[in-house]
C-alpha atoms as a PDB file:
ATOM      1  CA  UNK A   1       0.000   0.000   0.000  1.00  0.00           C
ATOM      2  CA  UNK A   2       1.261   3.487  -0.830  1.00  0.00           C
ATOM      3  CA  UNK A   3      -0.110   6.818   0.392  1.00  0.00           C
ATOM      4  CA  UNK A   4       0.992  10.053  -1.366  1.00  0.00           C
ATOM      5  CA  UNK A   5       2.085  12.845   0.975  1.00  0.00           C
ATOM      6  CA  UNK A   6       3.437  15.082  -1.794  1.00  0.00           C
ATOM      7  CA  UNK A   7       3.001  14.891  -5.577  1.00  0.00           C
ATOM      8  CA  UNK A   8       5.958  12.501  -5.903  1.00  0.00           C
ATOM      9  CA  UNK A   9       6.630  11.315  -2.350  1.00  0.00           C
ATOM     10  CA  UNK A  10       4.757   8.295  -0.987  1.00  0.00           C
ATOM     11  CA  UNK A  11       4.592   6.449   2.316  1.00  0.00           C
ATOM     12  CA  UNK A  12       4.907   2.692   1.830  1.00  0.00           C
ATOM     13  CA  UNK A  13       3.288   0.143   4.144  1.00  0.00           C
ATOM     14  CA  UNK A  14       3.254  -3.586   3.494  1.00  0.00           C
ATOM     15  CA  UNK A  15       2.930  -7.037   5.035  1.00  0.00           C
ATOM     16  CA  UNK A  16       4.612 -10.124   3.634  1.00  0.00           C
ATOM     17  CA  UNK A  17       5.370 -13.745   4.449  1.00  0.00           C
ATOM     18  CA  UNK A  18       8.219 -16.112   3.561  1.00  0.00           C
ATOM     19  CA  UNK A  19       7.946 -19.885   4.137  1.00  0.00           C
ATOM     20  CA  UNK A  20      10.290 -22.811   3.633  1.00  0.00           C
ATOM     21  CA  UNK A  21      10.444 -26.409   4.841  1.00  0.00           C
ATOM     22  CA  UNK A  22      12.485 -29.551   4.355  1.00  0.00           C
ATOM     23  CA  UNK A  23      11.135 -33.099   4.611  1.00  0.00           C
ATOM     24  CA  UNK A  24      12.439 -36.601   4.063  1.00  0.00           C
ATOM     25  CA  UNK A  25      15.953 -35.913   5.319  1.00  0.00           C
ATOM     26  CA  UNK A  26      16.743 -39.463   6.433  1.00  0.00           C
ATOM     27  CA  UNK A  27      20.327 -40.688   6.484  1.00  0.00           C
ATOM     28  CA  UNK A  28      22.186 -43.524   8.204  1.00  0.00           C
ATOM     29  CA  UNK A  29      25.642 -43.596   9.803  1.00  0.00           C
ATOM     30  CA  UNK A  30      27.227 -47.010  10.445  1.00  0.00           C
ATOM     31  CA  UNK A  31      29.265 -47.568  13.604  1.00  0.00           C
ATOM     32  CA  UNK A  32      31.086 -50.761  14.710  1.00  0.00           C
ATOM     33  CA  UNK A  33      28.025 -52.201  16.487  1.00  0.00           C
ATOM     34  CA  UNK A  34      25.009 -50.187  15.311  1.00  0.00           C
ATOM     35  CA  UNK A  35      23.438 -48.288  12.443  1.00  0.00           C
ATOM     36  CA  UNK A  36      22.328 -44.830  13.542  1.00  0.00           C
ATOM     37  CA  UNK A  37      19.257 -43.766  11.533  1.00  0.00           C
ATOM     38  CA  UNK A  38      18.704 -39.990  11.562  1.00  0.00           C
ATOM     39  CA  UNK A  39      15.556 -38.168  10.493  1.00  0.00           C
ATOM     40  CA  UNK A  40      14.558 -34.522  10.810  1.00  0.00           C
ATOM     41  CA  UNK A  41      12.080 -32.077   9.292  1.00  0.00           C
ATOM     42  CA  UNK A  42      12.365 -28.297   9.579  1.00  0.00           C
ATOM     43  CA  UNK A  43       9.918 -25.449   8.956  1.00  0.00           C
ATOM     44  CA  UNK A  44      10.662 -21.729   8.795  1.00  0.00           C
ATOM     45  CA  UNK A  45       8.049 -18.979   8.557  1.00  0.00           C
ATOM     46  CA  UNK A  46       8.803 -15.268   8.485  1.00  0.00           C
ATOM     47  CA  UNK A  47       6.084 -12.607   8.809  1.00  0.00           C
ATOM     48  CA  UNK A  48       7.375  -9.114   8.150  1.00  0.00           C
ATOM     49  CA  UNK A  49       5.974  -5.584   8.248  1.00  0.00           C
ATOM     50  CA  UNK A  50       7.484  -2.843   6.099  1.00  0.00           C
ATOM     51  CA  UNK A  51       7.246   0.945   6.471  1.00  0.00           C
ATOM     52  CA  UNK A  52       9.193   3.368   4.296  1.00  0.00           C
ATOM     53  CA  UNK A  53       9.295   6.146   1.723  1.00  0.00           C
ATOM     54  CA  UNK A  54       9.262   6.105  -2.088  1.00  0.00           C
ATOM     55  CA  UNK A  55       9.886   8.774  -4.690  1.00  0.00           C
ATOM     56  CA  UNK A  56       7.956   8.535  -7.947  1.00  0.00           C
ATOM     57  CA  UNK A  57       9.722   9.440 -11.208  1.00  0.00           C
ATOM     58  CA  UNK A  58       7.252   9.601 -14.115  1.00  0.00           C
ATOM     59  CA  UNK A  59       8.691   8.615 -17.502  1.00  0.00           C
ATOM     60  CA  UNK A  60       5.439   8.943 -19.426  1.00  0.00           C
ATOM     61  CA  UNK A  61       1.733   9.078 -18.623  1.00  0.00           C
ATOM     62  CA  UNK A  62       1.594   5.276 -18.404  1.00  0.00           C
ATOM     63  CA  UNK A  63       4.943   4.351 -16.845  1.00  0.00           C
ATOM     64  CA  UNK A  64       6.948   5.474 -13.811  1.00  0.00           C
ATOM     65  CA  UNK A  65       9.929   4.417 -11.713  1.00  0.00           C
ATOM     66  CA  UNK A  66       9.878   4.408  -7.922  1.00  0.00           C
ATOM     67  CA  UNK A  67      13.068   4.098  -5.835  1.00  0.00           C
ATOM     68  CA  UNK A  68      12.327   3.358  -2.180  1.00  0.00           C
ATOM     69  CA  UNK A  69      13.829   2.566   1.212  1.00  0.00           C
ATOM     70  CA  UNK A  70      12.031   0.961   4.152  1.00  0.00           C
ATOM     71  CA  UNK A  71      12.504  -0.410   7.634  1.00  0.00           C
ATOM     72  CA  UNK A  72      11.163  -3.892   8.369  1.00  0.00           C
ATOM     73  CA  UNK A  73      10.154  -5.842  11.453  1.00  0.00           C
ATOM     74  CA  UNK A  74      10.473  -9.632  11.194  1.00  0.00           C
ATOM     75  CA  UNK A  75       8.752 -12.224  13.361  1.00  0.00           C
ATOM     76  CA  UNK A  76      10.328 -15.555  12.459  1.00  0.00           C
ATOM     77  CA  UNK A  77       9.448 -19.039  13.678  1.00  0.00           C
ATOM     78  CA  UNK A  78      11.595 -22.159  13.398  1.00  0.00           C
ATOM     79  CA  UNK A  79      10.151 -25.631  14.013  1.00  0.00           C
ATOM     80  CA  UNK A  80      12.213 -28.801  14.108  1.00  0.00           C
ATOM     81  CA  UNK A  81      11.021 -32.389  14.525  1.00  0.00           C
ATOM     82  CA  UNK A  82      13.236 -35.411  14.258  1.00  0.00           C
ATOM     83  CA  UNK A  83      14.671 -38.579  15.671  1.00  0.00           C
ATOM     84  CA  UNK A  84      17.683 -40.821  15.750  1.00  0.00           C
ATOM     85  CA  UNK A  85      17.619 -44.569  16.303  1.00  0.00           C
ATOM     86  CA  UNK A  86      20.469 -46.953  17.061  1.00  0.00           C
ATOM     87  CA  UNK A  87      19.797 -50.346  15.477  1.00  0.00           C
ATOM     88  CA  UNK A  88      21.964 -53.342  16.379  1.00  0.00           C
ATOM     89  CA  UNK A  89      23.933 -54.684  13.418  1.00  0.00           C
ATOM     90  CA  UNK A  90      23.801 -58.133  15.000  1.00  0.00           C
ATOM     91  CA  UNK A  91      20.105 -58.481  15.831  1.00  0.00           C
ATOM     92  CA  UNK A  92      18.404 -55.689  13.856  1.00  0.00           C
ATOM     93  CA  UNK A  93      16.660 -54.520  17.058  1.00  0.00           C
ATOM     94  CA  UNK A  94      16.471 -50.946  18.320  1.00  0.00           C
ATOM     95  CA  UNK A  95      18.811 -50.491  21.280  1.00  0.00           C
ATOM     96  CA  UNK A  96      18.442 -46.741  21.931  1.00  0.00           C
ATOM     97  CA  UNK A  97      16.506 -43.931  20.299  1.00  0.00           C
ATOM     98  CA  UNK A  98      15.433 -40.328  20.735  1.00  0.00           C
ATOM     99  CA  UNK A  99      12.509 -38.295  19.326  1.00  0.00           C
ATOM    100  CA  UNK A 100      12.223 -34.533  19.681  1.00  0.00           C
ATOM    101  CA  UNK A 101      10.154 -31.495  18.775  1.00  0.00           C
ATOM    102  CA  UNK A 102      11.236 -27.889  18.947  1.00  0.00           C
ATOM    103  CA  UNK A 103       9.304 -24.678  18.269  1.00  0.00           C
ATOM    104  CA  UNK A 104      11.027 -21.295  18.592  1.00  0.00           C
ATOM    105  CA  UNK A 105      10.436 -17.673  17.587  1.00  0.00           C
ATOM    106  CA  UNK A 106      12.480 -14.484  17.284  1.00  0.00           C
ATOM    107  CA  UNK A 107      11.716 -10.844  16.452  1.00  0.00           C
ATOM    108  CA  UNK A 108      14.319  -8.639  14.756  1.00  0.00           C
ATOM    109  CA  UNK A 109      14.393  -5.466  12.635  1.00  0.00           C
ATOM    110  CA  UNK A 110      15.574  -5.379   9.041  1.00  0.00           C
ATOM    111  CA  UNK A 111      16.003  -2.982   6.133  1.00  0.00           C
ATOM    112  CA  UNK A 112      15.203  -3.033   2.421  1.00  0.00           C
ATOM    113  CA  UNK A 113      15.795  -0.733  -0.535  1.00  0.00           C
ATOM    114  CA  UNK A 114      14.997  -1.109  -4.192  1.00  0.00           C
ATOM    115  CA  UNK A 115      13.527   0.195  -7.410  1.00  0.00           C
ATOM    116  CA  UNK A 116      10.003  -0.399  -8.618  1.00  0.00           C
ATOM    117  CA  UNK A 117       8.518   0.110 -12.063  1.00  0.00           C
ATOM    118  CA  UNK A 118       4.793   0.620 -12.627  1.00  0.00           C
ATOM    119  CA  UNK A 119       2.927   0.399 -15.932  1.00  0.00           C
ATOM    120  CA  UNK A 120      -0.692   1.550 -16.339  1.00  0.00           C
ATOM    121  CA  UNK A 121      -2.227  -0.153 -19.420  1.00  0.00           C
ATOM    122  CA  UNK A 122      -5.705   0.996 -18.265  1.00  0.00           C
ATOM    123  CA  UNK A 123      -6.969   3.754 -15.900  1.00  0.00           C
ATOM    124  CA  UNK A 124      -7.396   1.427 -12.890  1.00  0.00           C
ATOM    125  CA  UNK A 125      -5.044  -1.410 -13.842  1.00  0.00           C
ATOM    126  CA  UNK A 126      -1.398  -1.499 -12.785  1.00  0.00           C
ATOM    127  CA  UNK A 127       1.407  -3.867 -13.736  1.00  0.00           C
ATOM    128  CA  UNK A 128       4.436  -3.627 -11.493  1.00  0.00           C
ATOM    129  CA  UNK A 129       7.859  -5.124 -10.909  1.00  0.00           C
ATOM    130  CA  UNK A 130      10.136  -4.588  -7.926  1.00  0.00           C
ATOM    131  CA  UNK A 131      13.852  -5.374  -7.600  1.00  0.00           C
ATOM    132  CA  UNK A 132      15.750  -4.689  -4.389  1.00  0.00           C
ATOM    133  CA  UNK A 133      17.990  -5.839  -1.579  1.00  0.00           C
ATOM    134  CA  UNK A 134      17.018  -6.872   1.946  1.00  0.00           C
ATOM    135  CA  UNK A 135      19.223  -6.982   5.028  1.00  0.00           C
ATOM    136  CA  UNK A 136      17.668  -9.152   7.746  1.00  0.00           C
ATOM    137  CA  UNK A 137      19.588 -11.651   9.853  1.00  0.00           C
ATOM    138  CA  UNK A 138      17.301 -13.126  12.505  1.00  0.00           C
ATOM    139  CA  UNK A 139      18.872 -14.341  15.770  1.00  0.00           C
ATOM    140  CA  UNK A 140      17.787 -14.741  19.386  1.00  0.00           C
ATOM    141  CA  UNK A 141      15.428 -17.691  18.864  1.00  0.00           C
ATOM    142  CA  UNK A 142      13.824 -19.126  22.001  1.00  0.00           C
ATOM    143  CA  UNK A 143      11.072 -21.659  22.497  1.00  0.00           C
ATOM    144  CA  UNK A 144       9.829 -24.998  23.808  1.00  0.00           C
ATOM    145  CA  UNK A 145      11.726 -28.245  23.483  1.00  0.00           C
ATOM    146  CA  UNK A 146      10.311 -31.743  24.062  1.00  0.00           C
ATOM    147  CA  UNK A 147      12.169 -35.002  23.629  1.00  0.00           C
ATOM    148  CA  UNK A 148      11.803 -38.673  24.442  1.00  0.00           C
ATOM    149  CA  UNK A 149      14.588 -41.110  25.286  1.00  0.00           C
ATOM    150  CA  UNK A 150      13.661 -44.682  24.418  1.00  0.00           C
ATOM    151  CA  UNK A 151      15.299 -48.043  25.098  1.00  0.00           C
ATOM    152  CA  UNK A 152      14.014 -51.645  25.055  1.00  0.00           C
ATOM    153  CA  UNK A 153      12.955 -51.569  28.711  1.00  0.00           C
ATOM    154  CA  UNK A 154      11.049 -48.267  28.494  1.00  0.00           C
ATOM    155  CA  UNK A 155      11.868 -44.579  28.214  1.00  0.00           C
ATOM    156  CA  UNK A 156      11.090 -41.109  29.541  1.00  0.00           C
ATOM    157  CA  UNK A 157       9.995 -37.653  28.367  1.00  0.00           C
ATOM    158  CA  UNK A 158      11.712 -34.350  29.100  1.00  0.00           C
ATOM    159  CA  UNK A 159      10.363 -30.861  28.422  1.00  0.00           C
ATOM    160  CA  UNK A 160      12.021 -27.433  28.571  1.00  0.00           C
ATOM    161  CA  UNK A 161      10.583 -23.949  28.038  1.00  0.00           C
ATOM    162  CA  UNK A 162      12.203 -20.729  26.845  1.00  0.00           C
ATOM    163  CA  UNK A 163      15.232 -22.621  25.506  1.00  0.00           C
ATOM    164  CA  UNK A 164      17.747 -20.639  23.379  1.00  0.00           C
ATOM    165  CA  UNK A 165      18.352 -22.078  19.925  1.00  0.00           C
ATOM    166  CA  UNK A 166      22.018 -22.783  19.126  1.00  0.00           C
ATOM    167  CA  UNK A 167      23.854 -24.032  16.080  1.00  0.00           C
ATOM    168  CA  UNK A 168      26.782 -26.313  16.694  1.00  0.00           C
ATOM    169  CA  UNK A 169      29.062 -28.763  14.967  1.00  0.00           C
ATOM    170  CA  UNK A 170      30.394 -31.922  16.583  1.00  0.00           C
ATOM    171  CA  UNK A 171      32.178 -35.178  15.842  1.00  0.00           C
ATOM    172  CA  UNK A 172      32.220 -38.536  17.547  1.00  0.00           C
ATOM    173  CA  UNK A 173      35.902 -39.344  17.735  1.00  0.00           C
ATOM    174  CA  UNK A 174      37.830 -36.171  17.026  1.00  0.00           C
ATOM    175  CA  UNK A 175      39.018 -37.696  13.764  1.00  0.00           C
ATOM    176  CA  UNK A 176      35.880 -38.592  11.843  1.00  0.00           C
ATOM    177  CA  UNK A 177      33.342 -36.489   9.925  1.00  0.00           C
ATOM    178  CA  UNK A 178      31.809 -33.371  11.462  1.00  0.00           C
ATOM    179  CA  UNK A 179      28.026 -33.106  11.846  1.00  0.00           C
ATOM    180  CA  UNK A 180      25.903 -29.974  12.231  1.00  0.00           C
ATOM    181  CA  UNK A 181      22.866 -29.715  14.489  1.00  0.00           C
ATOM    182  CA  UNK A 182      20.558 -27.280  16.258  1.00  0.00           C
ATOM    183  CA  UNK A 183      19.944 -26.856  19.999  1.00  0.00           C
ATOM    184  CA  UNK A 184      19.706 -30.403  21.326  1.00  0.00           C
ATOM    185  CA  UNK A 185      19.840 -30.437  25.143  1.00  0.00           C
ATOM    186  CA  UNK A 186      19.840 -34.250  25.025  1.00  0.00           C
ATOM    187  CA  UNK A 187      23.021 -34.542  22.965  1.00  0.00           C
ATOM    188  CA  UNK A 188      24.565 -37.945  23.642  1.00  0.00           C
ATOM    189  CA  UNK A 189      27.651 -37.746  25.865  1.00  0.00           C
ATOM    190  CA  UNK A 190      30.993 -38.327  24.162  1.00  0.00           C
ATOM    191  CA  UNK A 191      30.570 -35.920  21.248  1.00  0.00           C
ATOM    192  CA  UNK A 192      33.276 -33.290  20.917  1.00  0.00           C
ATOM    193  CA  UNK A 193      31.906 -29.834  20.022  1.00  0.00           C
ATOM    194  CA  UNK A 194      33.915 -28.068  17.339  1.00  0.00           C
ATOM    195  CA  UNK A 195      31.737 -24.963  16.936  1.00  0.00           C
ATOM    196  CA  UNK A 196      28.825 -23.334  18.781  1.00  0.00           C
ATOM    197  CA  UNK A 197      26.966 -20.064  18.181  1.00  0.00           C
ATOM    198  CA  UNK A 198      23.468 -18.567  18.231  1.00  0.00           C
ATOM    199  CA  UNK A 199      21.280 -20.039  15.518  1.00  0.00           C
ATOM    200  CA  UNK A 200      20.439 -17.596  12.717  1.00  0.00           C
ATOM    201  CA  UNK A 201      18.003 -17.385   9.826  1.00  0.00           C
ATOM    202  CA  UNK A 202      19.559 -15.049   7.271  1.00  0.00           C
ATOM    203  CA  UNK A 203      16.990 -13.527   4.900  1.00  0.00           C
ATOM    204  CA  UNK A 204      19.457 -11.052   3.425  1.00  0.00           C
ATOM    205  CA  UNK A 205      19.896 -10.906  -0.317  1.00  0.00           C
ATOM    206  CA  UNK A 206      18.496  -9.618  -3.585  1.00  0.00           C
ATOM    207  CA  UNK A 207      14.867 -10.154  -4.556  1.00  0.00           C
ATOM    208  CA  UNK A 208      12.656  -9.665  -7.603  1.00  0.00           C
ATOM    209  CA  UNK A 209       8.860  -9.466  -7.528  1.00  0.00           C
ATOM    210  CA  UNK A 210       6.149  -8.784 -10.088  1.00  0.00           C
ATOM    211  CA  UNK A 211       2.401  -8.502  -9.901  1.00  0.00           C
ATOM    212  CA  UNK A 212      -0.914  -6.959 -10.906  1.00  0.00           C
ATOM    213  CA  UNK A 213      -2.705  -4.229  -8.980  1.00  0.00           C
ATOM    214  CA  UNK A 214      -5.860  -2.096  -8.941  1.00  0.00           C
ATOM    215  CA  UNK A 215      -5.679   1.691  -8.414  1.00  0.00           C
ATOM    216  CA  UNK A 216      -8.407   3.485  -6.456  1.00  0.00           C
END
């Protein structure tokens, strides 16, 4: 939405949403006595509000350019659900497993700037395209974490609230491959951490949009 405050100056206000998810990320790591089957699914949703200024540059009666700059406020959620299962190479039975769910949110400001072009093929019809750059790196995620430890004789649940979300890398032996993960309070003892930092969703980058609008 744009509101003119001078013949060429406009206030911009907008709401947008970005979504992404990954599914079917199963992989297996073989150890001397067990296969470790890993599975996880992630969902990210970002709702943002934009408020800024634009300057209209008419090229002809039916076409104009509009450079703009705007501040943004992002509310981002990250959900993670997964499991790992140790299966005996000798018997094929499960010997230890873990299931977890994690839901976190963060709120951070951002900034965008770009150039729009608007074409008016009819009095009330508008065709537009918008190319720009956004700077928005979302950190400070916190939320609820639930996980279940299972073993042949039983198992138990654990729940935590207001848990910070971390990114870390670890290996099992100090010599083997390095694995990346996100905020797992139940990490199995014996892993050596090689990196740890606040988890981040980086929405920065160039974008291009196009659409159809109605003028009132």
